[in-house]
Amino acid sequence: MSYNNYMKNQQGLPRRQAGQVILILILVMAVALAIGISVIQRSLSDISTSSKVEQSSRAFSAAEAGIEKALRNDTSNTVFTDSRATVSNSGSLPLAGQALEYPLLGKEEVAQVWLADPNANLPNCTGYTCYTQTSLGVYWGNSSTDKAALELTIVYYAGGSYQSKKWYLDQIARTPANNFDTSADCGGFLIGVNAYRCKKTLSFTAQEAAGLMLLRARLLYNSTSQPIAVAPVSGSLPPQAMIIESTGTAGDTQRKIRVFKLDKVVPPYFDYGIFSLGEINKN
């Protein structure tokens, strides 16, 4: 009997085939190990992602809770079992002699700026900050391609009644014509840290200036959100706004919410009410 036949009889397989089986077993084990490691890594990644999503949700909820407290004039820190919120605010805005800058506004959204202190016994403004200058600077827009127009309404008290005066401002002459005033200076301006494209200085008579109450501004034609600012030419606007920032923290995750709070906002239907021939009642 030959040696090879002897080995076949002893082990059931030739030596070469036995070596191949061992290699195949090693390859199968390596593939299985790689698959196992990949599954474990994917599971750990999913767990990590789920944990981060949960922490992000908790941090955002904490930030929201901080904003809710701040809107009730409570700026103390908010602490929960697994999250917390730190709240800060800018104090009353605008500061003396400075502009009131609104957050970005979309098409046909309205910005309201008090020219008389809303806490005063209006139209009597004795003892409060009220703007009585005969001119006022208005800034708007920040795009050289998405050119926004602006509708302005000034409400003032004169002759024993509230009256309104309007401006329609545009950067370009449009087709079809809208007959807006295109005399605004659109050479670019910097107010605070924000850039604005256009500026228009509004002029009032002495009688109008003595009874200025508020300004309403509405962006038109824009497809992107853009800024608006109202700046005193001299003197100061009454304090009326506040920026509140709440930072929620959960684990290693932080979420921030910023809110622009304005005192005593006139409801949207007011813009239509000032043109109504009769009374408008809202139940």
Protein backbone atom coordinates (compact mmCIF):
# COMPACT_ATOMS: atom_id res chain seq x y z
CA MET A 1 0.00 0.00 0.00
CA SER A 2 1.37 3.39 -0.97
CA TYR A 3 1.85 6.20 1.58
CA ASN A 4 -0.89 8.37 0.03
CA ASN A 5 -3.37 5.53 0.11
CA TYR A 6 -2.37 4.93 3.70
CA MET A 7 -3.09 8.56 4.64
CA LYS A 8 -6.44 8.43 2.84
CA ASN A 9 -7.38 5.35 4.73
CA GLN A 10 -6.26 6.84 8.03
CA GLN A 11 -7.91 10.30 7.73
CA GLY A 12 -10.60 9.82 5.09
CA LEU A 13 -9.14 12.59 2.88
CA PRO A 14 -5.94 13.12 1.00
CA ARG A 15 -3.48 15.49 2.72
CA ARG A 16 -3.92 18.24 0.08
CA GLN A 17 -7.70 18.21 0.51
CA ALA A 18 -7.34 18.32 4.30
CA GLY A 19 -5.19 21.47 4.02
CA GLN A 20 -7.74 23.10 1.71
CA VAL A 21 -10.53 22.41 4.20
CA ILE A 22 -8.56 24.15 6.93
CA LEU A 23 -8.00 27.22 4.69
CA ILE A 24 -11.70 27.34 3.82
CA LEU A 25 -12.61 27.12 7.50
CA ILE A 26 -10.21 29.98 8.28
CA LEU A 27 -11.71 32.11 5.49
CA VAL A 28 -15.27 31.38 6.66
CA MET A 29 -14.33 32.28 10.22
CA ALA A 30 -12.65 35.52 9.04
CA VAL A 31 -15.71 36.51 7.01
CA ALA A 32 -18.02 35.70 9.93
CA LEU A 33 -15.81 37.68 12.29
CA ALA A 34 -15.81 40.68 9.92
CA ILE A 35 -19.59 40.53 9.60
CA GLY A 36 -19.93 40.27 13.38
CA ILE A 37 -17.64 43.24 13.97
CA SER A 38 -19.54 45.27 11.35
CA VAL A 39 -22.87 44.46 12.99
CA ILE A 40 -21.51 45.40 16.41
CA GLN A 41 -20.09 48.69 15.07
CA ARG A 42 -23.42 49.48 13.37
CA SER A 43 -25.29 48.72 16.58
CA LEU A 44 -22.95 50.94 18.61
CA SER A 45 -23.31 53.71 16.00
CA ASP A 46 -27.12 53.43 16.12
CA ILE A 47 -27.06 53.57 19.90
CA SER A 48 -24.79 56.64 19.80
CA THR A 49 -27.01 58.35 17.21
CA SER A 50 -30.15 57.58 19.19
CA SER A 51 -28.51 58.93 22.32
CA LYS A 52 -27.50 62.15 20.54
CA VAL A 53 -31.00 62.60 19.08
CA GLU A 54 -32.51 62.11 22.51
CA GLN A 55 -30.06 64.56 24.09
CA SER A 56 -30.76 67.07 21.32
CA SER A 57 -34.50 66.77 21.91
CA ARG A 58 -34.06 67.21 25.66
CA ALA A 59 -31.76 70.20 25.16
CA PHE A 60 -34.25 71.83 22.79
CA SER A 61 -37.13 71.23 25.21
CA ALA A 62 -35.07 72.76 28.01
CA ALA A 63 -34.29 75.80 25.85
CA GLU A 64 -38.00 76.19 25.07
CA ALA A 65 -38.83 76.01 28.77
CA GLY A 66 -36.25 78.73 29.44
CA ILE A 67 -37.85 80.96 26.80
CA GLU A 68 -41.31 80.40 28.28
CA LYS A 69 -40.06 81.46 31.70
CA ALA A 70 -38.28 84.49 30.28
CA LEU A 71 -41.46 85.61 28.51
CA ARG A 72 -43.03 85.68 31.99
CA ASN A 73 -40.16 87.93 33.12
CA ASP A 74 -38.37 85.09 34.91
CA THR A 75 -34.81 84.76 33.58
CA SER A 76 -33.56 82.36 36.25
CA ASN A 77 -31.89 79.18 35.06
CA THR A 78 -34.12 76.15 34.51
CA VAL A 79 -32.87 72.79 35.82
CA PHE A 80 -34.44 69.41 35.05
CA THR A 81 -33.36 65.89 35.96
CA ASP A 82 -31.25 65.37 32.85
CA SER A 83 -31.13 68.82 31.22
CA ARG A 84 -30.94 72.51 32.03
CA ALA A 85 -31.45 75.91 30.40
CA THR A 86 -29.41 79.09 30.78
CA VAL A 87 -31.25 82.29 29.83
CA SER A 88 -29.89 85.72 28.98
CA ASN A 89 -31.51 88.86 27.60
CA SER A 90 -30.37 92.05 25.95
CA GLY A 91 -32.29 94.40 28.21
CA SER A 92 -34.63 96.99 26.73
CA LEU A 93 -34.02 97.91 23.11
CA PRO A 94 -33.23 100.14 21.35
CA LEU A 95 -30.59 101.88 23.42
CA ALA A 96 -30.65 105.68 23.53
CA GLY A 97 -29.92 107.17 20.12
CA GLN A 98 -29.69 103.78 18.39
CA ALA A 99 -31.78 102.04 15.75
CA LEU A 100 -34.29 99.29 16.39
CA GLU A 101 -33.29 96.36 14.19
CA TYR A 102 -35.91 93.75 13.43
CA PRO A 103 -35.24 90.06 12.80
CA LEU A 104 -35.39 88.96 9.16
CA LEU A 105 -38.85 89.30 7.66
CA GLY A 106 -40.41 87.34 4.82
CA LYS A 107 -42.63 88.65 2.06
CA GLU A 108 -45.60 90.65 3.39
CA GLU A 109 -44.58 90.15 7.02
CA VAL A 110 -44.98 93.24 9.18
CA ALA A 111 -42.54 95.02 11.47
CA GLN A 112 -43.95 97.35 14.11
CA VAL A 113 -41.97 100.14 15.75
CA TRP A 114 -43.38 102.29 18.52
CA LEU A 115 -42.55 105.97 18.15
CA ALA A 116 -44.39 106.78 21.38
CA ASP A 117 -43.81 104.75 24.53
CA PRO A 118 -46.63 102.17 24.63
CA ASN A 119 -46.63 102.36 28.44
CA ALA A 120 -47.66 106.03 28.35
CA ASN A 121 -51.25 107.20 28.59
CA LEU A 122 -51.41 107.83 24.85
CA PRO A 123 -51.83 110.16 23.12
CA ASN A 124 -50.41 111.95 26.19
CA CYS A 125 -46.70 111.07 26.34
CA THR A 126 -45.66 113.27 29.27
CA GLY A 127 -42.92 111.64 31.34
CA TYR A 128 -42.09 108.99 28.74
CA THR A 129 -39.72 108.71 25.79
CA CYS A 130 -41.53 109.68 22.60
CA TYR A 131 -40.05 110.46 19.21
CA THR A 132 -41.08 113.93 18.04
CA GLN A 133 -38.48 114.75 15.37
CA THR A 134 -39.59 115.83 11.90
CA SER A 135 -37.57 113.11 10.14
CA LEU A 136 -36.90 109.41 10.64
CA GLY A 137 -34.54 106.95 8.93
CA VAL A 138 -35.81 103.62 7.60
CA TYR A 139 -33.42 100.92 6.30
CA TRP A 140 -34.37 97.70 4.53
CA GLY A 141 -33.18 94.87 2.31
CA ASN A 142 -29.84 93.10 2.01
CA SER A 143 -29.89 91.59 -1.48
CA SER A 144 -28.74 93.09 -4.79
CA THR A 145 -30.76 90.54 -6.77
CA ASP A 146 -33.87 89.90 -4.65
CA LYS A 147 -34.86 93.54 -4.45
CA ALA A 148 -37.58 94.12 -1.87
CA ALA A 149 -40.04 96.99 -1.91
CA LEU A 150 -41.42 98.50 1.28
CA GLU A 151 -44.84 99.68 2.39
CA LEU A 152 -44.77 102.06 5.36
CA THR A 153 -47.61 103.33 7.52
CA ILE A 154 -47.13 106.02 10.13
CA VAL A 155 -49.88 106.51 12.71
CA TYR A 156 -49.99 109.87 14.48
CA TYR A 157 -52.37 111.86 16.64
CA ALA A 158 -53.45 115.29 15.42
CA GLY A 159 -56.57 117.40 15.61
CA GLY A 160 -58.13 115.22 18.28
CA SER A 161 -57.99 111.96 16.29
CA TYR A 162 -55.60 109.27 15.10
CA GLN A 163 -54.53 109.58 11.49
CA SER A 164 -52.24 107.67 9.14
CA LYS A 165 -49.76 108.48 6.42
CA LYS A 166 -48.31 105.99 3.94
CA TRP A 167 -45.23 105.57 1.77
CA TYR A 168 -44.61 102.96 -0.95
CA LEU A 169 -40.91 102.58 -1.64
CA ASP A 170 -39.11 100.48 -4.24
CA GLN A 171 -35.54 99.98 -5.41
CA ILE A 172 -36.37 99.70 -9.10
CA ALA A 173 -39.07 100.62 -11.60
CA ARG A 174 -41.08 97.45 -12.18
CA THR A 175 -43.08 96.16 -15.11
CA PRO A 176 -46.02 96.55 -14.99
CA ALA A 177 -45.55 99.83 -13.15
CA ASN A 178 -46.54 99.98 -9.48
CA ASN A 179 -46.05 103.75 -9.14
CA PHE A 180 -43.89 103.30 -6.03
CA ASP A 181 -41.37 105.94 -4.98
CA THR A 182 -37.93 104.89 -6.24
CA SER A 183 -35.98 107.83 -4.79
CA ALA A 184 -34.53 105.82 -1.87
CA ASP A 185 -30.75 105.65 -1.58
CA CYS A 186 -29.74 102.02 -2.24
CA GLY A 187 -25.99 102.32 -2.05
CA GLY A 188 -25.58 100.07 1.01
CA PHE A 189 -25.48 100.96 4.70
CA LEU A 190 -24.21 99.43 7.95
CA ILE A 191 -26.35 99.77 11.07
CA GLY A 192 -24.85 98.09 14.12
CA VAL A 193 -23.53 94.76 12.81
CA ASN A 194 -26.09 94.33 10.02
CA ALA A 195 -25.86 95.51 6.42
CA TYR A 196 -28.80 97.12 4.66
CA ARG A 197 -29.20 97.93 1.00
CA CYS A 198 -31.58 100.90 1.03
CA LYS A 199 -32.37 103.93 3.17
CA LYS A 200 -35.26 106.38 3.08
CA THR A 201 -35.55 109.41 5.33
CA LEU A 202 -39.20 110.11 6.10
CA SER A 203 -40.26 113.71 6.65
CA PHE A 204 -43.13 114.91 8.83
CA THR A 205 -44.80 118.23 9.43
CA ALA A 206 -44.45 119.74 12.90
CA GLN A 207 -48.04 118.75 13.68
CA GLU A 208 -47.44 115.14 12.60
CA ALA A 209 -44.14 114.92 14.49
CA ALA A 210 -45.75 116.15 17.71
CA GLY A 211 -48.15 113.21 17.73
CA LEU A 212 -46.16 110.30 16.24
CA MET A 213 -47.45 106.99 17.61
CA LEU A 214 -46.09 104.02 15.65
CA LEU A 215 -44.68 102.80 12.35
CA ARG A 216 -45.73 99.67 10.47
CA ALA A 217 -43.47 98.33 7.71
CA ARG A 218 -44.26 95.52 5.26
CA LEU A 219 -41.81 93.97 2.79
CA LEU A 220 -43.08 93.33 -0.74
CA TYR A 221 -41.81 91.40 -3.80
CA ASN A 222 -39.03 89.62 -1.89
CA SER A 223 -38.61 85.85 -2.05
CA THR A 224 -36.04 85.67 0.78
CA SER A 225 -36.23 86.99 4.34
CA GLN A 226 -34.59 90.39 4.72
CA PRO A 227 -33.96 92.92 7.52
CA ILE A 228 -35.62 96.19 8.48
CA ALA A 229 -34.30 98.87 10.84
CA VAL A 230 -35.70 102.19 12.03
CA ALA A 231 -33.21 104.80 13.24
CA PRO A 232 -33.74 108.18 14.89
CA VAL A 233 -32.24 111.11 13.02
CA SER A 234 -31.81 112.74 16.41
CA GLY A 235 -33.17 111.96 19.85
CA SER A 236 -34.20 108.40 20.76
CA LEU A 237 -36.88 105.85 20.07
CA PRO A 238 -38.76 104.56 23.13
CA PRO A 239 -37.54 101.26 24.62
CA GLN A 240 -39.89 98.55 23.40
CA ALA A 241 -38.14 95.30 22.58
CA MET A 242 -35.86 92.64 24.02
CA ILE A 243 -33.79 89.78 22.61
CA ILE A 244 -33.99 86.65 24.76
CA GLU A 245 -31.57 83.76 24.26
CA SER A 246 -32.00 80.40 25.95
CA THR A 247 -29.33 77.69 25.79
CA GLY A 248 -30.54 74.17 26.59
CA THR A 249 -27.97 71.55 27.61
CA ALA A 250 -28.39 67.78 27.87
CA GLY A 251 -25.26 65.67 28.17
CA ASP A 252 -22.77 67.00 25.62
CA THR A 253 -25.48 68.53 23.41
CA GLN A 254 -26.53 72.20 23.37
CA ARG A 255 -29.43 73.86 21.56
CA LYS A 256 -30.08 77.61 21.41
CA ILE A 257 -33.30 79.53 20.84
CA ARG A 258 -33.42 83.27 20.27
CA VAL A 259 -36.64 85.27 20.53
CA PHE A 260 -37.30 88.88 19.59
CA LYS A 261 -39.91 90.15 22.05
CA LEU A 262 -41.83 93.34 21.28
CA ASP A 263 -44.06 95.10 23.79
CA LYS A 264 -47.76 95.46 22.96
CA VAL A 265 -47.88 94.37 19.31
CA VAL A 266 -50.82 95.71 17.32
CA PRO A 267 -52.74 92.76 15.75
CA PRO A 268 -52.47 92.21 11.96
CA TYR A 269 -56.05 93.24 11.19
CA PHE A 270 -55.14 96.75 12.36
CA ASP A 271 -53.56 97.38 8.95
CA TYR A 272 -56.97 96.92 7.37
CA GLY A 273 -58.92 98.60 10.14
CA ILE A 274 -57.29 101.98 9.57
CA PHE A 275 -58.87 102.05 6.12
CA SER A 276 -62.31 100.89 7.22
CA LEU A 277 -65.23 103.33 6.97
CA GLY A 278 -66.90 101.69 9.95
CA GLU A 279 -65.89 99.97 13.16
CA ILE A 280 -64.15 96.61 13.19
CA ASN A 281 -65.08 94.33 16.07
CA LYS A 282 -63.14 91.19 16.90
CA ASN A 283 -64.83 88.69 19.20
